[in-house]
C-alpha cells in the first residue's frame, strides 16, 4: 500500500505537470472559426452581389458553407490528437461546435429541399404561386416557392456557438461579436434579402474572422513559448 501511494513531492510534481499541460493547451488555435468566418463571409458577399447586380455564377454559393463541414471534421480530429490536455470545458466546447455544424447542415438541407417539395405539393393540388403588382404596371408572374426571410434564422444560429464559447473562455471579442449579430438579426427582420446577405458578411467578420485572427496570434505566441 505504501508503495502505491505518492509522496508529497511526487504529488506536487504530478499536479505541476498537469497544470503545464493545461496551460499548453488552453488557447484555441483559431483554425475552425477562421474556416467558418471565411466561408460565410464569401458566401454572404457573393449572395449580396448576385442580388444587387443580378449576377449568375452557375451554382448555389452556400454549398461552400456546407462543404466547410468536411475540413472542420479533419481539423477537429487533428487538434484533438495534438492537444496534450482536454478539460471538461474543452469537451463542452467541442460538443457545442459539433451541434452547431449539424444544425447548419440541417438548415442548408431544409432550404434546398423545402422549395422543391412545396412546388411538388402545389403541382399536385393544382395551385400556382403568383407575383402580383399592386400598381398594375406589370402583369402577374408565376413564381417558384421559396423560404422567405430565412437568413435571419442563420444569424441566430451563427451567434449561438460564438456567444457560448466567448462566455466560457471569457473572450470579449466573441461576446461583442455575438451581441452585434443579435442586433443585426433584429434589423434583418425588416430588410430585403440582399441586405440580409450583407449583414451575414458583417457578422461573419466580427464574430468569427476577427476573433479567429486574434486567437491564431495568441496560439502561435503560446506555441513558441512551449517549444
Protein backbone atom coordinates (compact mmCIF):
# COMPACT_ATOMS: atom_id res chain seq x y z
CA UNK A 1 0.00 0.00 0.00
CA UNK A 2 2.83 2.39 0.88
CA UNK A 3 4.48 1.72 -2.50
CA UNK A 4 1.23 2.60 -4.29
CA UNK A 5 0.92 5.96 -2.53
CA UNK A 6 2.55 9.07 -3.98
CA UNK A 7 4.87 11.14 -1.83
CA UNK A 8 4.22 14.85 -1.37
CA UNK A 9 6.99 15.66 -3.86
CA UNK A 10 5.60 13.23 -6.43
CA UNK A 11 2.07 14.56 -5.96
CA UNK A 12 3.30 18.13 -6.39
CA UNK A 13 5.25 17.12 -9.50
CA UNK A 14 2.17 15.41 -10.96
CA UNK A 15 -0.06 18.40 -10.28
CA UNK A 16 2.53 20.78 -11.74
CA UNK A 17 2.81 18.59 -14.85
CA UNK A 18 -0.97 18.61 -15.36
CA UNK A 19 -1.11 22.40 -14.94
CA UNK A 20 1.63 22.85 -17.53
CA UNK A 21 -0.18 20.57 -19.96
CA UNK A 22 -3.39 22.51 -19.42
CA UNK A 23 -1.58 25.82 -19.92
CA UNK A 24 0.00 24.48 -23.08
CA UNK A 25 -3.41 23.57 -24.49
CA UNK A 26 -5.56 26.42 -23.19
CA UNK A 27 -5.79 28.70 -26.19
CA UNK A 28 -7.77 27.65 -29.25
CA UNK A 29 -5.80 27.62 -32.48
CA UNK A 30 -8.46 29.76 -34.17
CA UNK A 31 -8.43 27.50 -37.24
CA UNK A 32 -12.08 26.45 -37.02
CA UNK A 33 -13.58 29.90 -36.65
CA UNK A 34 -11.29 31.24 -39.39
CA UNK A 35 -12.66 28.49 -41.62
CA UNK A 36 -16.28 29.32 -40.84
CA UNK A 37 -15.64 33.06 -40.94
CA UNK A 38 -14.10 32.82 -44.40
CA UNK A 39 -16.79 30.52 -45.80
CA UNK A 40 -19.75 32.55 -44.50
CA UNK A 41 -18.19 35.91 -45.45
CA UNK A 42 -17.54 34.79 -49.03
CA UNK A 43 -20.98 33.17 -49.40
CA UNK A 44 -22.78 36.21 -47.96
CA UNK A 45 -20.89 38.75 -50.07
CA UNK A 46 -21.39 36.76 -53.27
CA UNK A 47 -25.11 36.42 -52.47
CA UNK A 48 -25.36 40.18 -51.91
CA UNK A 49 -23.57 40.93 -55.20
CA UNK A 50 -25.82 38.46 -57.05
CA UNK A 51 -28.95 40.15 -55.68
CA UNK A 52 -27.68 43.70 -56.18
CA UNK A 53 -26.32 43.29 -59.73
CA UNK A 54 -28.35 40.27 -60.95
CA UNK A 55 -25.22 38.18 -61.35
CA UNK A 56 -25.24 34.46 -62.12
CA UNK A 57 -22.43 32.11 -61.04
CA UNK A 58 -23.98 28.79 -62.05
CA UNK A 59 -24.26 27.16 -58.61
CA UNK A 60 -25.51 27.81 -55.09
CA UNK A 61 -22.66 29.60 -53.29
CA UNK A 62 -23.98 28.38 -49.92
CA UNK A 63 -22.82 24.90 -50.82
CA UNK A 64 -19.42 26.33 -49.85
CA UNK A 65 -20.61 26.59 -46.24
CA UNK A 66 -21.97 23.05 -46.40
CA UNK A 67 -18.63 21.83 -47.79
CA UNK A 68 -16.78 23.55 -44.91
CA UNK A 69 -18.09 20.83 -42.61
CA UNK A 70 -15.68 18.35 -44.24
CA UNK A 71 -12.42 20.18 -43.38
CA UNK A 72 -13.94 21.02 -39.98
CA UNK A 73 -14.11 17.31 -39.20
CA UNK A 74 -10.43 16.81 -40.08
CA UNK A 75 -9.42 19.93 -38.13
CA UNK A 76 -11.27 18.68 -35.04
CA UNK A 77 -9.65 15.24 -35.26
CA UNK A 78 -6.16 16.70 -35.73
CA UNK A 79 -6.49 19.22 -32.89
CA UNK A 80 -7.85 16.52 -30.58
CA UNK A 81 -4.78 14.37 -31.29
CA UNK A 82 -2.33 17.24 -30.83
CA UNK A 83 -3.91 18.51 -27.63
CA UNK A 84 -1.97 17.47 -24.56
CA UNK A 85 -4.80 18.05 -22.13
CA UNK A 86 -8.55 18.17 -22.58
CA UNK A 87 -10.65 19.67 -19.82
CA UNK A 88 -14.39 19.37 -19.30
CA UNK A 89 -14.66 22.87 -20.78
CA UNK A 90 -12.89 21.72 -23.95
CA UNK A 91 -15.26 18.77 -24.25
CA UNK A 92 -18.26 21.08 -23.81
CA UNK A 93 -16.94 23.49 -26.45
CA UNK A 94 -16.31 20.67 -28.92
CA UNK A 95 -19.86 19.47 -28.33
CA UNK A 96 -21.25 22.95 -28.99
CA UNK A 97 -19.38 23.22 -32.30
CA UNK A 98 -20.45 19.71 -33.31
CA UNK A 99 -24.12 20.53 -32.66
CA UNK A 100 -23.67 23.83 -34.50
CA UNK A 101 -22.24 22.05 -37.56
CA UNK A 102 -25.12 19.55 -37.57
CA UNK A 103 -27.65 22.40 -37.21
CA UNK A 104 -26.13 24.35 -40.12
CA UNK A 105 -26.19 21.18 -42.20
CA UNK A 106 -29.87 20.71 -41.38
CA UNK A 107 -30.75 24.33 -42.22
CA UNK A 108 -28.97 24.18 -45.58
CA UNK A 109 -30.72 20.92 -46.44
CA UNK A 110 -34.05 22.44 -45.36
CA UNK A 111 -33.51 25.49 -47.54
CA UNK A 112 -32.53 23.36 -50.54
CA UNK A 113 -35.33 20.78 -50.24
CA UNK A 114 -38.40 22.65 -48.97
CA UNK A 115 -39.00 24.94 -52.00
CA UNK A 116 -38.86 21.95 -54.38
CA UNK A 117 -41.09 19.88 -52.13
CA UNK A 118 -43.56 22.77 -51.88
CA UNK A 119 -43.55 23.10 -55.68
CA UNK A 120 -44.50 19.43 -56.00
CA UNK A 121 -47.33 19.89 -53.49
CA UNK A 122 -48.58 22.96 -55.38
CA UNK A 123 -48.47 20.98 -58.64
CA UNK A 124 -50.38 18.07 -57.12
CA UNK A 125 -53.02 20.38 -55.65
CA UNK A 126 -53.28 22.44 -58.82
CA UNK A 127 -52.06 25.65 -57.19
CA UNK A 128 -49.90 28.41 -58.71
CA UNK A 129 -47.86 30.90 -56.73
CA UNK A 130 -48.16 34.31 -58.41
CA UNK A 131 -46.37 37.64 -58.11
CA UNK A 132 -49.00 40.38 -58.25
CA UNK A 133 -48.06 44.04 -58.84
CA UNK A 134 -50.45 46.31 -56.95
CA UNK A 135 -49.85 49.26 -59.29
CA UNK A 136 -50.87 47.09 -62.27
CA UNK A 137 -47.89 48.32 -64.30
CA UNK A 138 -46.79 44.71 -64.92
CA UNK A 139 -48.81 41.56 -65.46
CA UNK A 140 -48.89 38.89 -62.79
CA UNK A 141 -45.99 36.42 -62.95
CA UNK A 142 -45.84 32.79 -61.74
CA UNK A 143 -43.00 32.21 -59.28
CA UNK A 144 -41.45 29.17 -57.66
CA UNK A 145 -41.98 28.54 -53.92
CA UNK A 146 -39.23 29.88 -51.68
CA UNK A 147 -38.37 30.21 -47.99
CA UNK A 148 -38.95 33.91 -47.09
CA UNK A 149 -36.54 35.73 -44.78
CA UNK A 150 -34.74 32.51 -43.87
CA UNK A 151 -31.33 34.11 -43.42
CA UNK A 152 -32.49 35.72 -40.18
CA UNK A 153 -32.57 32.19 -38.72
CA UNK A 154 -28.99 31.68 -39.85
CA UNK A 155 -27.94 34.82 -37.97
CA UNK A 156 -29.43 33.44 -34.76
CA UNK A 157 -27.66 30.11 -35.23
CA UNK A 158 -24.35 31.82 -36.06
CA UNK A 159 -24.43 33.72 -32.77
CA UNK A 160 -25.19 30.62 -30.68
CA UNK A 161 -21.77 28.85 -30.53
CA UNK A 162 -19.92 32.18 -30.61
CA UNK A 163 -21.62 33.57 -27.51
CA UNK A 164 -21.28 30.27 -25.61
CA UNK A 165 -17.56 29.96 -26.33
CA UNK A 166 -16.99 33.65 -25.66
CA UNK A 167 -18.61 33.37 -22.23
CA UNK A 168 -16.84 30.10 -21.35
CA UNK A 169 -13.42 31.45 -22.33
CA UNK A 170 -14.20 34.99 -21.17
CA UNK A 171 -13.13 36.09 -24.66
CA UNK A 172 -14.61 39.55 -25.16
CA UNK A 173 -14.27 39.82 -28.99
CA UNK A 174 -16.58 36.81 -29.40
CA UNK A 175 -19.11 38.14 -26.87
CA UNK A 176 -19.21 41.55 -28.55
CA UNK A 177 -19.49 39.92 -31.98
CA UNK A 178 -22.41 37.77 -30.83
CA UNK A 179 -24.34 40.78 -29.49
CA UNK A 180 -23.72 42.65 -32.76
CA UNK A 181 -25.17 39.63 -34.53
CA UNK A 182 -28.31 39.73 -32.40
CA UNK A 183 -28.77 43.41 -33.28
CA UNK A 184 -28.34 42.61 -36.99
CA UNK A 185 -30.84 39.76 -36.61
CA UNK A 186 -33.48 42.23 -35.43
CA UNK A 187 -32.67 44.58 -38.32
CA UNK A 188 -32.80 41.68 -40.80
CA UNK A 189 -36.45 41.14 -39.90
CA UNK A 190 -37.25 44.47 -41.59
CA UNK A 191 -34.88 44.43 -44.59
CA UNK A 192 -34.79 42.89 -48.06
CA UNK A 193 -32.89 39.69 -48.79
CA UNK A 194 -29.84 41.38 -50.32
CA UNK A 195 -29.23 43.43 -47.17
CA UNK A 196 -29.60 40.30 -45.06
CA UNK A 197 -26.70 38.89 -47.06
CA UNK A 198 -24.67 41.99 -46.29
CA UNK A 199 -25.50 41.55 -42.59
CA UNK A 200 -24.28 37.97 -42.89
CA UNK A 201 -20.90 39.10 -44.19
CA UNK A 202 -20.58 41.65 -41.38
CA UNK A 203 -21.47 39.13 -38.68
CA UNK A 204 -19.05 36.52 -40.01
CA UNK A 205 -16.28 39.12 -39.91
CA UNK A 206 -16.98 40.47 -36.40
CA UNK A 207 -17.67 37.24 -34.52
CA UNK A 208 -15.56 34.70 -36.40
CA UNK A 209 -12.90 36.08 -38.70
CA UNK A 210 -11.54 38.86 -36.46
CA UNK A 211 -11.65 36.76 -33.23
CA UNK A 212 -10.09 33.90 -35.22
CA UNK A 213 -7.13 36.08 -36.17
CA UNK A 214 -6.70 37.16 -32.54
CA UNK A 215 -6.88 33.55 -31.31
CA UNK A 216 -4.44 32.41 -34.00
CA UNK A 217 -1.89 35.02 -32.95
CA UNK A 218 -2.27 34.04 -29.29
CA UNK A 219 -1.93 30.37 -30.18
CA UNK A 220 1.24 30.94 -32.20
CA UNK A 221 2.80 33.02 -29.41
CA UNK A 222 1.95 30.39 -26.82
CA UNK A 223 3.21 27.58 -29.06
CA UNK A 224 6.53 29.40 -29.49
CA UNK A 225 6.90 29.71 -25.70
CA UNK A 226 6.31 25.99 -25.13
CA UNK A 227 8.62 24.77 -27.88
